[in-house]
Amino acid sequence: MSIEILVPQLPESISDATLITWHKQVGDFVIKNENLVDLETDKVVLEVPAPESGVLTQILKEDGAIVTGGEILALLEIESKQKSESISQSSEHIKATDFNGDDIPLSPSVRRLIHENTLDPSIIKGTGKNGRLTKADVLDHLNLQSIVTAAAPKETVSQVSVPIVQASTIASNLRPEQRVPMTRLRAKIAERLLQAQQNAAMLTTFNEVNMQNVIDLRNQYKTRFEQKHEVKLGFMSFFVKASIEALKRFPAINASIDDNDIIYHGYYDLGIAVSTPRGLIVPVLHDADQLDFAGIEKSIADFGAKAKTGSLTYDDLKGGTFTITNGGVFGSMLSTPILNPPQCAILGMHAIKERAVVENGQIVIRPIMYLALSYDHRLVDGREAVQFLVTIKECLEAPAHLLLNI
């Protein structure tokens, strides 16, 4: 019996998706719940699993096709129940067995890189458990290929495999160019950033914070914290807690503009900007004020793991009343972050650097971080923005405020 493989119903705010990768071809046998195809929206990559075990008999939508919810992607000829159960059990046994270097299971993100760059996974050395290929292994292999290609003589360049995602290459002597289609996520990022600059009266205010007390507190308790909660104590949880305290004091910064109305949000959904190979995404800590330090750190660690494997869901990304972005992890000293519409403010963290400062008339060395708050001046006055940032500074320089809720 033949059944249809359908595009799943897309989230309400997403009208269509781009088919980016088929993981099976016509004639392949597939196991129930095995991923067949990846669909990219402007927020997340969706996997379409096989509803039953069977043979893929026809593919109706090719790579690059724009699809909508409920469209038919392919046809699957399902096997008898007895045969499907037998093959499924065999597959589970194989998954439970140690794999050698010639038969290494691939995670969705690794499989996507392999497919997009037309690579042979058997020639890439895996450094993961049991020889499993990691994303870093594949990226290192691609970087090595790029170096080899750049160094190869002109007459041998054509013999070197150069990974390009649906790209056309124009080469003239040693001045190569690549034309690569923009991904849905990258296009959406560009659209939203341009929208923010065109539709908001954006202004940025700056301050600096002495991180010494936070660093001392973290160093004193980080081992016990990790032993008890099984997650590392980072700096982000302190900034989340400080931001919530400041948002409570200045509710306009937790608000948004809808036409001629102002919406004051009585909850605190904080977006945490995360850089991924696909681009910048902002998963959201919903009801962040209800989370303790451990809950915040666990949620952020979970977002990071999902981002690396491309498994963030739409629910992870929807909403948000305020955003925090940390350019300091890349070494940024100072920047002016761009608003994340329809939010009216975003906090930028930067690198912690030892600087000479004056305390009680003496020059001393302290670990200083520059902070930046970009805000929509249509809704937030300069006084509120400055005092908001001062509140964050005070909370971080005296973290007892955060721990004792005073």
Protein backbone atom coordinates (compact mmCIF):
# COMPACT_ATOMS: atom_id res chain seq x y z
CA MET A 1 0.00 0.00 0.00
CA SER A 2 1.29 3.47 -0.90
CA ILE A 3 1.06 6.42 1.52
CA GLU A 4 1.88 10.11 1.11
CA ILE A 5 4.73 11.91 2.86
CA LEU A 6 3.38 15.38 3.68
CA VAL A 7 4.88 18.69 4.72
CA PRO A 8 4.00 19.03 8.42
CA GLN A 9 1.76 21.88 9.48
CA LEU A 10 3.97 24.93 9.83
CA PRO A 11 3.82 27.32 12.82
CA GLU A 12 1.24 30.09 12.49
CA SER A 13 3.71 32.86 11.61
CA ILE A 14 5.53 30.78 8.95
CA SER A 15 3.90 30.59 5.53
CA ASP A 16 6.29 28.25 3.70
CA ALA A 17 9.58 26.38 3.88
CA THR A 18 12.46 25.48 1.59
CA LEU A 19 13.30 21.84 0.96
CA ILE A 20 17.06 21.72 1.54
CA THR A 21 18.06 18.04 1.79
CA TRP A 22 16.66 14.64 0.92
CA HIS A 23 18.37 11.98 3.04
CA LYS A 24 16.83 9.12 1.06
CA GLN A 25 16.48 8.46 -2.66
CA VAL A 26 13.87 6.64 -4.72
CA GLY A 27 14.20 2.91 -4.10
CA ASP A 28 15.71 3.27 -0.62
CA PHE A 29 14.18 1.37 2.27
CA VAL A 30 13.37 3.58 5.27
CA ILE A 31 12.60 2.80 8.89
CA LYS A 32 9.61 4.28 10.70
CA ASN A 33 10.53 7.64 12.32
CA GLU A 34 13.79 7.84 10.31
CA ASN A 35 14.39 11.37 9.02
CA LEU A 36 13.62 11.61 5.30
CA VAL A 37 14.06 15.26 4.47
CA ASP A 38 15.02 18.62 6.01
CA LEU A 39 12.87 21.70 5.52
CA GLU A 40 14.28 25.14 6.30
CA THR A 41 12.05 27.97 7.48
CA ASP A 42 13.15 31.48 8.39
CA LYS A 43 13.53 30.31 11.99
CA VAL A 44 14.34 26.60 12.28
CA VAL A 45 15.14 23.48 10.28
CA LEU A 46 12.32 20.93 10.44
CA GLU A 47 12.87 17.20 9.99
CA VAL A 48 10.18 15.09 8.29
CA PRO A 49 10.24 11.52 9.65
CA ALA A 50 8.91 8.46 7.87
CA PRO A 51 5.40 7.68 9.19
CA GLU A 52 5.93 3.95 8.50
CA SER A 53 8.65 1.60 7.33
CA GLY A 54 8.74 1.00 3.61
CA VAL A 55 10.32 1.83 0.25
CA LEU A 56 10.48 5.39 -1.09
CA THR A 57 8.87 5.02 -4.52
CA GLN A 58 8.55 8.61 -5.75
CA ILE A 59 9.92 12.06 -4.81
CA LEU A 60 7.59 14.88 -5.86
CA LYS A 61 9.50 17.86 -4.47
CA GLU A 62 13.21 18.26 -5.22
CA ASP A 63 15.91 20.09 -3.26
CA GLY A 64 15.34 23.86 -3.31
CA ALA A 65 11.56 23.62 -3.74
CA ILE A 66 9.32 26.02 -1.78
CA VAL A 67 6.61 24.05 0.03
CA THR A 68 3.67 24.80 2.31
CA GLY A 69 1.97 22.83 5.06
CA GLY A 70 0.12 19.72 3.84
CA GLU A 71 1.83 19.50 0.42
CA ILE A 72 2.87 16.05 -0.79
CA LEU A 73 6.64 15.53 -0.72
CA ALA A 74 6.90 11.90 -1.74
CA LEU A 75 5.19 8.51 -1.88
CA LEU A 76 6.12 5.60 0.37
CA GLU A 77 5.21 1.96 -0.31
CA ILE A 78 4.82 0.46 3.14
CA GLU A 79 5.85 -3.11 3.88
CA SER A 80 3.87 -5.72 5.73
CA LYS A 81 3.70 -5.24 9.49
CA GLN A 82 5.72 -8.40 10.15
CA LYS A 83 8.53 -7.39 7.79
CA SER A 84 8.61 -3.83 9.10
CA GLU A 85 8.90 -5.01 12.70
CA SER A 86 11.70 -7.39 11.74
CA ILE A 87 13.66 -4.68 9.94
CA SER A 88 13.03 -2.17 12.72
CA GLN A 89 14.37 -4.60 15.33
CA SER A 90 17.40 -5.24 13.14
CA SER A 91 17.96 -1.49 12.81
CA GLU A 92 17.74 -1.00 16.58
CA HIS A 93 20.29 -3.77 17.06
CA ILE A 94 22.64 -2.09 14.62
CA LYS A 95 22.25 1.26 16.37
CA ALA A 96 23.16 -0.38 19.68
CA THR A 97 26.32 -1.93 18.24
CA ASP A 98 29.68 -0.19 18.17
CA PHE A 99 30.37 1.25 14.72
CA ASN A 100 33.70 1.04 12.98
CA GLY A 101 35.23 3.82 10.95
CA ASP A 102 33.48 2.70 7.76
CA ASP A 103 29.99 2.74 9.27
CA ILE A 104 29.72 5.78 11.49
CA PRO A 105 26.29 7.15 12.46
CA LEU A 106 25.83 10.82 11.58
CA SER A 107 23.97 13.44 13.56
CA PRO A 108 21.51 15.64 11.60
CA SER A 109 23.92 18.61 11.52
CA VAL A 110 26.85 16.44 10.36
CA ARG A 111 24.69 14.69 7.78
CA ARG A 112 23.57 18.07 6.45
CA LEU A 113 27.16 19.28 6.06
CA ILE A 114 28.17 16.04 4.34
CA HIS A 115 25.29 16.31 1.88
CA GLU A 116 25.62 20.04 1.19
CA ASN A 117 29.33 19.77 0.46
CA THR A 118 29.19 16.42 -1.38
CA LEU A 119 31.68 14.76 0.95
CA ASP A 120 32.59 11.13 1.55
CA PRO A 121 32.34 10.60 5.35
CA SER A 122 34.55 7.51 5.19
CA ILE A 123 37.65 9.63 4.39
CA ILE A 124 37.14 12.01 7.33
CA LYS A 125 38.66 10.98 10.64
CA GLY A 126 36.10 11.08 13.45
CA THR A 127 37.15 12.25 16.91
CA GLY A 128 33.87 11.56 18.68
CA LYS A 129 32.91 8.55 20.76
CA ASN A 130 33.47 5.25 18.92
CA GLY A 131 34.92 7.16 15.98
CA ARG A 132 31.74 9.19 15.46
CA LEU A 133 32.10 12.18 13.16
CA THR A 134 31.53 15.50 14.87
CA LYS A 135 30.59 18.78 13.25
CA ALA A 136 34.07 20.09 14.10
CA ASP A 137 35.62 17.15 12.21
CA VAL A 138 33.73 18.04 9.04
CA LEU A 139 34.44 21.77 9.32
CA ASP A 140 38.15 21.05 9.85
CA HIS A 141 38.10 18.86 6.73
CA LEU A 142 36.44 21.63 4.72
CA ASN A 143 38.99 24.18 5.94
CA LEU A 144 41.83 21.87 4.94
CA GLN A 145 40.32 21.44 1.49
CA SER A 146 40.10 25.23 1.11
CA ILE A 147 43.78 25.60 2.03
CA VAL A 148 44.81 22.87 -0.41
CA THR A 149 42.74 24.44 -3.17
CA ALA A 150 44.24 27.91 -2.61
CA ALA A 151 47.78 26.50 -2.63
CA ALA A 152 47.36 24.20 -5.66
CA PRO A 153 48.89 25.19 -9.06
CA LYS A 154 46.47 26.66 -11.56
CA GLU A 155 46.48 23.57 -13.79
CA THR A 156 45.58 21.25 -10.89
CA VAL A 157 42.91 23.33 -9.17
CA SER A 158 40.15 21.67 -11.17
CA GLN A 159 41.19 18.31 -9.73
CA VAL A 160 40.68 19.43 -6.11
CA SER A 161 37.25 18.99 -4.55
CA VAL A 162 35.97 22.43 -3.50
CA PRO A 163 32.81 22.39 -1.34
CA ILE A 164 30.17 24.86 -2.49
CA VAL A 165 26.49 24.78 -1.56
CA GLN A 166 24.57 25.07 -4.84
CA ALA A 167 27.19 27.59 -5.89
CA SER A 168 28.66 28.74 -9.17
CA THR A 169 32.37 29.57 -9.16
CA ILE A 170 33.97 32.26 -11.29
CA ALA A 171 37.77 31.93 -11.20
CA SER A 172 40.25 34.26 -12.81
CA ASN A 173 43.88 33.39 -12.09
CA LEU A 174 44.15 33.66 -8.29
CA ARG A 175 41.01 35.77 -7.79
CA PRO A 176 38.22 33.21 -7.21
CA GLU A 177 34.63 34.16 -6.49
CA GLN A 178 31.73 32.11 -5.21
CA ARG A 179 28.05 32.88 -5.68
CA VAL A 180 26.05 31.12 -2.95
CA PRO A 181 22.26 31.35 -2.50
CA MET A 182 21.28 33.08 0.74
CA THR A 183 19.65 30.71 3.22
CA ARG A 184 16.14 31.39 4.47
CA LEU A 185 17.50 32.16 7.94
CA ARG A 186 20.15 34.58 6.62
CA ALA A 187 17.54 36.32 4.43
CA LYS A 188 15.22 36.68 7.43
CA ILE A 189 18.04 38.09 9.57
CA ALA A 190 18.80 40.65 6.87
CA GLU A 191 15.13 41.59 6.59
CA ARG A 192 14.66 42.03 10.35
CA LEU A 193 17.85 44.04 10.83
CA LEU A 194 16.89 46.38 8.01
CA GLN A 195 13.37 46.64 9.41
CA ALA A 196 14.73 47.56 12.84
CA GLN A 197 16.90 50.35 11.43
CA GLN A 198 14.16 51.75 9.20
CA ASN A 199 11.20 51.54 11.60
CA ALA A 200 12.69 52.48 14.97
CA ALA A 201 14.33 55.60 16.39
CA MET A 202 17.30 53.57 17.59
CA LEU A 203 19.80 55.00 20.04
CA THR A 204 22.53 53.37 22.16
CA THR A 205 23.77 54.28 25.62
CA PHE A 206 26.91 52.85 27.25
CA ASN A 207 28.29 52.13 30.68
CA GLU A 208 30.98 50.01 32.28
CA VAL A 209 30.78 47.47 35.07
CA ASN A 210 33.43 46.21 37.47
CA MET A 211 33.04 42.42 37.30
CA GLN A 212 35.36 41.68 40.26
CA ASN A 213 32.61 40.75 42.76
CA VAL A 214 30.80 38.53 40.26
CA ILE A 215 34.06 36.82 39.34
CA ASP A 216 34.96 36.27 43.01
CA LEU A 217 31.50 34.88 43.80
CA ARG A 218 31.58 32.61 40.78
CA ASN A 219 35.07 31.31 41.58
CA GLN A 220 34.07 30.64 45.18
CA TYR A 221 30.99 28.58 44.39
CA LYS A 222 31.33 27.30 40.82
CA THR A 223 32.61 23.83 41.84
CA ARG A 224 29.84 23.24 44.39
CA PHE A 225 27.29 24.71 41.97
CA GLU A 226 28.31 22.31 39.21
CA GLN A 227 28.36 19.32 41.55
CA LYS A 228 24.85 20.04 42.81
CA HIS A 229 23.14 21.20 39.62
CA GLU A 230 25.24 19.38 36.97
CA VAL A 231 25.72 22.56 34.97
CA LYS A 232 28.47 25.17 34.96
CA LEU A 233 27.91 28.56 36.57
CA GLY A 234 28.48 31.16 33.88
CA PHE A 235 28.17 34.93 33.71
CA MET A 236 24.97 34.95 31.67
CA SER A 237 22.76 33.95 34.60
CA PHE A 238 23.97 37.02 36.53
CA PHE A 239 23.12 39.26 33.55
CA VAL A 240 19.70 37.65 33.15
CA LYS A 241 18.91 38.22 36.83
CA ALA A 242 20.22 41.80 36.70
CA SER A 243 18.20 42.51 33.55
CA ILE A 244 15.00 41.21 35.12
CA GLU A 245 15.52 43.47 38.14
CA ALA A 246 16.08 46.46 35.85
CA LEU A 247 13.05 45.57 33.68
CA LYS A 248 10.85 45.48 36.77
CA ARG A 249 11.98 49.00 37.69
CA PHE A 250 11.59 50.35 34.14
CA PRO A 251 8.61 48.56 32.53
CA ALA A 252 8.77 50.66 29.33
CA ILE A 253 11.92 48.78 28.34
CA ASN A 254 9.97 45.50 28.58
CA ALA A 255 7.25 46.90 26.32
CA SER A 256 6.67 47.00 22.55
CA ILE A 257 4.87 49.23 20.06
CA ASP A 258 1.92 47.92 18.04
CA ASP A 259 0.77 50.61 15.58
CA ASN A 260 -0.34 53.46 17.86
CA ASP A 261 -0.54 51.31 20.99
CA ILE A 262 2.05 50.46 23.61
CA ILE A 263 1.95 46.90 24.95
CA TYR A 264 3.37 46.60 28.47
CA HIS A 265 4.30 42.98 29.08
CA GLY A 266 3.67 41.67 32.60
CA TYR A 267 6.08 38.79 32.07
CA TYR A 268 9.78 38.49 31.29
CA ASP A 269 10.67 36.41 28.24
CA LEU A 270 14.35 37.04 27.63
CA GLY A 271 15.95 36.22 24.29
CA ILE A 272 19.56 35.00 24.42
CA ALA A 273 21.32 35.60 21.09
CA VAL A 274 23.26 32.53 19.89
CA SER A 275 25.63 32.37 16.93
CA THR A 276 25.30 29.22 14.79
CA PRO A 277 26.79 28.10 11.46
CA ARG A 278 23.45 29.06 9.88
CA GLY A 279 23.43 32.55 11.38
CA LEU A 280 22.32 34.40 14.50
CA ILE A 281 19.27 33.01 16.27
CA VAL A 282 17.59 34.08 19.50
CA PRO A 283 16.05 31.30 21.64
CA VAL A 284 13.85 32.62 24.42
CA LEU A 285 13.89 31.99 28.17
CA HIS A 286 10.15 32.11 28.83
CA ASP A 287 9.15 33.42 32.29
CA ALA A 288 12.83 33.96 33.08
CA ASP A 289 11.90 35.65 36.38
CA GLN A 290 10.62 32.28 37.64
CA LEU A 291 13.98 30.58 37.05
CA ASP A 292 16.81 30.38 39.57
CA PHE A 293 20.49 30.56 38.57
CA ALA A 294 20.64 26.82 37.88
CA GLY A 295 17.48 26.89 35.80
CA ILE A 296 18.84 29.74 33.69
CA GLU A 297 22.20 28.04 33.13
CA LYS A 298 20.56 24.72 32.23
CA SER A 299 18.23 26.40 29.74
CA ILE A 300 21.10 28.29 28.10
CA ALA A 301 23.23 25.14 27.90
CA ASP A 302 20.28 23.31 26.33
CA PHE A 303 19.83 26.09 23.76
CA GLY A 304 23.53 25.93 22.89
CA ALA A 305 23.43 22.16 22.38
CA LYS A 306 20.31 22.41 20.21
CA ALA A 307 21.80 25.25 18.18
CA LYS A 308 24.90 23.18 17.35
CA THR A 309 22.81 20.27 16.09
CA GLY A 310 20.17 22.43 14.40
CA SER A 311 17.41 20.98 16.60
CA LEU A 312 15.92 24.20 18.03
CA THR A 313 12.13 24.19 17.72
CA TYR A 314 9.80 27.02 16.85
CA ASP A 315 8.61 27.11 20.48
CA ASP A 316 12.22 27.74 21.55
CA LEU A 317 12.34 30.85 19.36
CA LYS A 318 8.91 32.44 19.56
CA GLY A 319 8.11 35.48 21.64
CA GLY A 320 10.60 37.48 23.65
CA THR A 321 10.24 40.85 25.38
CA PHE A 322 13.94 41.75 25.78
CA THR A 323 17.18 40.39 24.32
CA ILE A 324 20.74 39.92 25.60
CA THR A 325 23.61 39.43 23.17
CA ASN A 326 27.18 38.60 24.17
CA GLY A 327 29.78 39.70 21.66
CA GLY A 328 32.41 39.32 24.34
CA VAL A 329 32.74 35.59 23.67
CA PHE A 330 34.27 36.56 20.30
CA GLY A 331 36.48 39.28 21.81
CA SER A 332 34.31 42.31 21.09
CA MET A 333 35.31 45.36 23.14
CA LEU A 334 32.31 47.54 22.26
CA SER A 335 29.41 47.46 19.82
CA THR A 336 25.95 48.93 19.21
CA PRO A 337 23.53 45.98 19.04
CA ILE A 338 20.54 46.26 16.70
CA LEU A 339 17.01 45.88 18.07
CA ASN A 340 15.15 42.59 17.74
CA PRO A 341 11.65 43.76 16.58
CA PRO A 342 9.09 44.20 18.01
CA GLN A 343 11.17 44.51 21.18
CA CYS A 344 12.24 48.04 22.09
CA ALA A 345 15.62 47.31 23.73
CA ILE A 346 18.61 44.97 23.61
CA LEU A 347 21.57 44.63 25.99
CA GLY A 348 25.04 44.07 24.58
CA MET A 349 27.72 42.36 26.71
CA HIS A 350 31.40 42.57 25.77
CA ALA A 351 34.78 41.13 26.66
CA ILE A 352 36.03 41.44 30.24
CA LYS A 353 39.41 43.19 30.21
CA GLU A 354 41.72 44.30 32.99
CA ARG A 355 41.76 48.10 32.96
CA ALA A 356 43.23 50.86 35.09
CA VAL A 357 40.47 52.58 37.08
CA VAL A 358 40.41 55.08 39.94
CA GLU A 359 39.01 53.96 43.31
CA ASN A 360 39.24 56.21 46.38
CA GLY A 361 41.83 58.34 44.64
CA GLN A 362 44.04 55.36 43.77
CA ILE A 363 44.71 53.80 40.37
CA VAL A 364 43.92 50.07 40.55
CA ILE A 365 43.48 47.24 38.06
CA ARG A 366 39.97 45.82 37.75
CA PRO A 367 38.20 43.42 35.34
CA ILE A 368 35.94 45.78 33.41
CA MET A 369 33.18 45.03 30.91
CA TYR A 370 31.62 47.67 28.68
CA LEU A 371 27.83 47.43 28.39
CA ALA A 372 25.65 48.81 25.60
CA LEU A 373 21.89 49.27 25.63
CA SER A 374 20.25 50.00 22.27
CA TYR A 375 16.66 51.18 22.60
CA ASP A 376 13.75 52.60 20.61
CA HIS A 377 13.61 56.28 21.48
CA ARG A 378 9.96 56.43 20.39
CA LEU A 379 9.05 54.50 23.53
CA VAL A 380 12.02 54.76 25.88
CA ASP A 381 13.37 58.11 27.08
CA GLY A 382 17.08 58.64 27.52
CA ARG A 383 16.67 58.97 31.29
CA GLU A 384 15.03 55.55 31.54
CA ALA A 385 17.64 53.93 29.31
CA VAL A 386 20.55 55.35 31.31
CA GLN A 387 19.00 54.43 34.67
CA PHE A 388 18.19 50.95 33.38
CA LEU A 389 21.85 50.38 32.52
CA VAL A 390 22.95 51.87 35.86
CA THR A 391 20.64 49.40 37.63
CA ILE A 392 22.29 46.49 35.83
CA LYS A 393 25.70 47.90 36.77
CA GLU A 394 24.70 48.21 40.45
CA CYS A 395 23.28 44.67 40.56
CA LEU A 396 26.44 43.17 39.07
CA GLU A 397 28.87 45.18 41.19
CA ALA A 398 26.97 44.14 44.33
CA PRO A 399 25.56 40.70 43.41
CA ALA A 400 24.06 40.30 46.89
CA HIS A 401 21.18 42.34 45.44
CA LEU A 402 20.42 39.46 43.10
CA LEU A 403 20.84 36.71 45.68
CA LEU A 404 18.88 38.41 48.45
CA ASN A 405 16.30 40.07 46.17
CA ILE A 406 16.90 43.52 47.68
